[in-house]
Amino acid sequence: MPKTATTDAATAVAWLKAQGDPAFKAGLARYGLPTDKAFGLSVATIKQYAKTLGRDHDLAQALWKSGWTDARMLAALVGEPARVTPAEMDAWCRDFDSWGIVDTVCFTLWDRSPHAWKKAKQWTKRKPEFEKRAGFVLMACLAAHDKKAADAAFLPFLPLIEQGAADERNFVKKGVSWALRHIGHRSARLHAAAVKTATRLSKSTDRTERWVGKDALRDLTRPMVLRKVKR
């Protein structure tokens, strides 16, 4: 009988469960990560296992549907960016329940998708905390990984970042700062634009906006960042 993605997913989930560490699982709560659907594996362990499986989007879809956090982390690592669809991205985004899964999916799968630019803009308008964070994290990941994108492609993100900077929820404001900082790391032109935005936010009467602006400025004015953008 040939293997199916569902059968492979069941095998993978069983492996993840067998490797789970109760002590590691208990410690996840200290980092604001849910434990009710986790087996307790480190990201390093999941990455090592993903390498043995290779890229397989059918498997990724089945792993995601399992609902287990560790399986969803694995799904991000074995998914195929070229096969990601906008509808699938929206569905997974609605399932997000922690910063860890948001960041892993955006950083290892979605920022390679041709749909990432559109979704990054759309999701900054979402209301749920982790869905909204996903929009800003995806901006940060595009800034870090899309080496072919022109500076002009990132400039429309800055007004969205400025609009999102007033959201006082912890994982949203940190995502906003991350996006602003990474855009400012790309080039001298974008650094200047990011600094201008961050400076304006740092002088805001809104406490959260000030936090985002100051947090970004601390990073953007570091000597190593200044050397990087002046090259």
Protein backbone atom coordinates (compact mmCIF):
# COMPACT_ATOMS: atom_id res chain seq x y z
CA MET A 1 0.00 0.00 0.00
CA PRO A 2 1.58 3.34 -1.02
CA LYS A 3 2.16 5.92 1.64
CA THR A 4 -0.13 8.94 1.79
CA ALA A 5 0.58 12.34 3.30
CA THR A 6 -1.83 11.47 6.11
CA THR A 7 0.00 8.22 6.88
CA ASP A 8 3.33 10.01 6.79
CA ALA A 9 1.96 12.71 9.07
CA ALA A 10 0.78 10.11 11.56
CA THR A 11 4.24 8.56 11.55
CA ALA A 12 5.89 11.95 11.99
CA VAL A 13 3.55 12.94 14.82
CA ALA A 14 4.27 9.63 16.55
CA TRP A 15 8.00 10.29 16.26
CA LEU A 16 7.60 13.79 17.68
CA LYS A 17 5.53 12.50 20.57
CA ALA A 18 8.10 9.82 21.38
CA GLN A 19 10.88 12.41 21.46
CA GLY A 20 8.96 14.82 23.69
CA ASP A 21 10.55 15.96 26.94
CA PRO A 22 8.07 16.72 29.77
CA ALA A 23 10.58 19.01 31.49
CA PHE A 24 11.18 20.98 28.29
CA LYS A 25 7.43 21.18 27.73
CA ALA A 26 6.86 22.58 31.22
CA GLY A 27 9.48 25.26 30.58
CA LEU A 28 7.71 26.61 27.47
CA ALA A 29 5.30 28.59 29.61
CA ARG A 30 8.16 30.80 30.81
CA TYR A 31 8.47 32.11 27.24
CA GLY A 32 4.77 32.73 26.76
CA LEU A 33 4.27 29.56 24.72
CA PRO A 34 1.23 27.29 25.19
CA THR A 35 1.84 23.75 26.41
CA ASP A 36 -1.55 22.07 25.99
CA LYS A 37 -0.81 20.93 22.40
CA ALA A 38 2.96 20.55 22.71
CA PHE A 39 5.08 17.44 23.13
CA GLY A 40 8.13 19.33 24.33
CA LEU A 41 10.78 19.33 21.60
CA SER A 42 13.41 21.97 20.94
CA VAL A 43 13.42 23.78 17.62
CA ALA A 44 16.85 22.28 16.95
CA THR A 45 15.48 18.76 17.29
CA ILE A 46 12.56 19.50 14.98
CA LYS A 47 14.92 21.05 12.42
CA GLN A 48 17.13 17.96 12.45
CA TYR A 49 14.12 15.73 11.87
CA ALA A 50 12.87 18.00 9.06
CA LYS A 51 16.15 17.50 7.22
CA THR A 52 15.53 13.76 7.11
CA LEU A 53 12.09 14.30 5.58
CA GLY A 54 12.87 16.94 2.97
CA ARG A 55 10.39 19.34 1.42
CA ASP A 56 6.91 17.83 1.06
CA HIS A 57 3.94 20.19 0.98
CA ASP A 58 1.34 17.45 1.20
CA LEU A 59 3.00 16.29 4.38
CA ALA A 60 3.13 19.87 5.67
CA GLN A 61 -0.61 20.30 5.15
CA ALA A 62 -1.39 17.07 6.97
CA LEU A 63 0.95 17.94 9.83
CA TRP A 64 -0.74 21.32 10.24
CA LYS A 65 -4.17 19.72 10.43
CA SER A 66 -2.99 17.53 13.32
CA GLY A 67 -3.15 20.58 15.57
CA TRP A 68 -0.02 19.69 17.54
CA THR A 69 2.38 22.62 18.01
CA ASP A 70 5.50 20.56 17.33
CA ALA A 71 3.90 19.13 14.18
CA ARG A 72 3.04 22.60 12.98
CA MET A 73 6.61 23.72 13.53
CA LEU A 74 7.68 20.74 11.43
CA ALA A 75 5.10 21.68 8.78
CA ALA A 76 6.76 25.08 8.37
CA LEU A 77 10.11 23.39 7.81
CA VAL A 78 8.96 20.80 5.25
CA GLY A 79 6.45 22.97 3.38
CA GLU A 80 7.18 24.09 -0.17
CA PRO A 81 7.01 27.88 -0.67
CA ALA A 82 6.04 27.57 -4.33
CA ARG A 83 2.98 25.50 -3.41
CA VAL A 84 1.70 27.82 -0.69
CA THR A 85 -1.62 29.41 -1.64
CA PRO A 86 -3.22 32.64 -0.33
CA ALA A 87 -6.19 30.67 1.03
CA GLU A 88 -3.89 28.30 2.89
CA MET A 89 -1.93 31.21 4.35
CA ASP A 90 -5.14 32.79 5.63
CA ALA A 91 -6.29 29.50 7.14
CA TRP A 92 -3.00 28.88 8.94
CA CYS A 93 -2.87 32.48 10.09
CA ARG A 94 -6.26 32.08 11.76
CA ASP A 95 -4.86 29.07 13.64
CA PHE A 96 -1.91 30.97 15.14
CA ASP A 97 -1.84 30.73 18.93
CA SER A 98 1.69 31.80 19.87
CA TRP A 99 4.55 34.01 18.75
CA GLY A 100 6.72 30.92 18.30
CA ILE A 101 4.60 29.36 15.59
CA VAL A 102 4.02 32.74 13.90
CA ASP A 103 7.72 33.45 13.66
CA THR A 104 8.68 29.95 12.51
CA VAL A 105 6.11 29.83 9.71
CA CYS A 106 6.95 33.33 8.49
CA PHE A 107 10.72 32.92 8.79
CA THR A 108 11.10 29.48 7.24
CA LEU A 109 8.26 29.15 4.72
CA TRP A 110 6.04 32.09 3.93
CA ASP A 111 8.63 34.75 3.25
CA ARG A 112 9.71 32.66 0.24
CA SER A 113 6.14 32.61 -1.11
CA PRO A 114 5.16 34.97 -3.96
CA HIS A 115 2.07 35.86 -1.91
CA ALA A 116 4.02 37.12 1.11
CA TRP A 117 4.06 40.79 0.12
CA LYS A 118 0.30 41.03 -0.23
CA LYS A 119 -0.43 39.06 2.95
CA ALA A 120 2.00 41.12 5.03
CA LYS A 121 -0.02 44.23 4.21
CA GLN A 122 -3.39 42.57 4.70
CA TRP A 123 -2.66 41.00 8.05
CA THR A 124 -1.55 44.23 9.71
CA LYS A 125 -5.26 45.09 9.64
CA ARG A 126 -6.27 41.93 11.51
CA LYS A 127 -7.58 42.23 15.07
CA PRO A 128 -6.38 38.98 16.77
CA GLU A 129 -2.95 39.47 18.34
CA PHE A 130 -1.03 36.69 16.60
CA GLU A 131 -2.68 37.22 13.22
CA LYS A 132 -1.74 40.89 13.34
CA ARG A 133 1.78 40.05 14.51
CA ALA A 134 2.13 37.79 11.48
CA GLY A 135 1.80 40.76 9.14
CA PHE A 136 4.66 42.63 10.76
CA VAL A 137 6.85 39.56 11.24
CA LEU A 138 6.42 38.74 7.57
CA MET A 139 7.63 42.25 6.72
CA ALA A 140 10.71 41.69 8.86
CA CYS A 141 11.38 38.32 7.23
CA LEU A 142 11.01 39.72 3.72
CA ALA A 143 13.48 42.45 4.62
CA ALA A 144 15.92 39.83 5.87
CA HIS A 145 15.55 37.23 3.12
CA ASP A 146 14.29 38.74 -0.14
CA LYS A 147 17.63 39.93 -1.45
CA LYS A 148 16.28 40.79 -4.91
CA ALA A 149 13.55 43.18 -3.76
CA ALA A 150 14.10 46.85 -4.52
CA ASP A 151 14.14 49.43 -1.74
CA ALA A 152 10.95 50.94 -3.14
CA ALA A 153 9.07 47.74 -2.40
CA PHE A 154 9.55 48.24 1.34
CA LEU A 155 8.57 51.91 1.57
CA PRO A 156 4.79 51.18 1.57
CA PHE A 157 5.34 49.09 4.70
CA LEU A 158 6.41 52.11 6.74
CA PRO A 159 2.99 53.79 6.99
CA LEU A 160 1.50 50.44 8.04
CA ILE A 161 4.20 50.09 10.67
CA GLU A 162 3.45 53.56 11.96
CA GLN A 163 -0.25 52.76 12.13
CA GLY A 164 0.41 49.50 13.99
CA ALA A 165 2.76 51.09 16.52
CA ALA A 166 -0.08 52.15 18.80
CA ASP A 167 -1.14 48.54 19.48
CA GLU A 168 -0.03 47.97 23.06
CA ARG A 169 -0.28 44.19 22.96
CA ASN A 170 3.14 42.73 23.66
CA PHE A 171 3.53 40.47 20.66
CA VAL A 172 2.15 43.02 18.22
CA LYS A 173 4.34 45.92 19.31
CA LYS A 174 7.43 43.71 19.28
CA GLY A 175 6.54 42.56 15.76
CA VAL A 176 6.12 46.18 14.67
CA SER A 177 9.55 47.07 16.03
CA TRP A 178 11.11 44.02 14.39
CA ALA A 179 9.70 45.01 11.00
CA LEU A 180 10.91 48.60 11.31
CA ARG A 181 14.40 47.55 12.39
CA HIS A 182 14.89 44.95 9.67
CA ILE A 183 13.74 47.30 6.94
CA GLY A 184 16.27 49.81 8.24
CA HIS A 185 19.01 47.20 7.96
CA ARG A 186 18.69 46.75 4.20
CA SER A 187 20.27 49.88 2.74
CA ALA A 188 21.24 53.47 3.41
CA ARG A 189 18.02 54.70 1.81
CA LEU A 190 15.79 52.44 3.87
CA HIS A 191 17.84 53.09 6.99
CA ALA A 192 17.21 56.81 6.65
CA ALA A 193 13.48 56.22 6.10
CA ALA A 194 13.26 53.83 9.06
CA VAL A 195 15.13 56.22 11.35
CA LYS A 196 12.77 59.02 10.33
CA THR A 197 9.75 56.86 11.16
CA ALA A 198 11.28 55.65 14.43
CA THR A 199 12.20 59.18 15.48
CA ARG A 200 8.69 60.40 14.84
CA LEU A 201 7.26 57.53 16.89
CA SER A 202 9.74 58.10 19.72
CA LYS A 203 8.33 61.61 20.17
CA SER A 204 4.69 60.51 20.17
CA THR A 205 2.34 61.28 23.05
CA ASP A 206 1.25 57.63 22.89
CA ARG A 207 3.26 55.42 25.25
CA THR A 208 3.31 52.36 22.98
CA GLU A 209 4.33 54.36 19.93
CA ARG A 210 7.17 55.89 21.95
CA TRP A 211 8.30 52.43 23.02
CA VAL A 212 8.36 51.17 19.42
CA GLY A 213 10.25 54.25 18.22
CA LYS A 214 12.87 54.11 20.96
CA ASP A 215 13.30 50.35 20.65
CA ALA A 216 13.90 50.67 16.92
CA LEU A 217 16.26 53.62 17.29
CA ARG A 218 18.45 51.78 19.79
CA ASP A 219 19.05 49.13 17.17
CA LEU A 220 19.24 51.35 14.09
CA THR A 221 21.88 53.63 15.62
CA ARG A 222 24.22 50.83 16.68
CA PRO A 223 27.68 51.15 15.08
CA MET A 224 27.48 47.73 13.42
CA VAL A 225 24.16 48.62 11.76
CA LEU A 226 25.50 51.98 10.58
CA ARG A 227 28.55 50.29 9.07
CA LYS A 228 26.36 47.74 7.32
CA VAL A 229 24.07 50.26 5.61
CA LYS A 230 26.95 52.49 4.53
CA ARG A 231 28.70 49.73 2.63
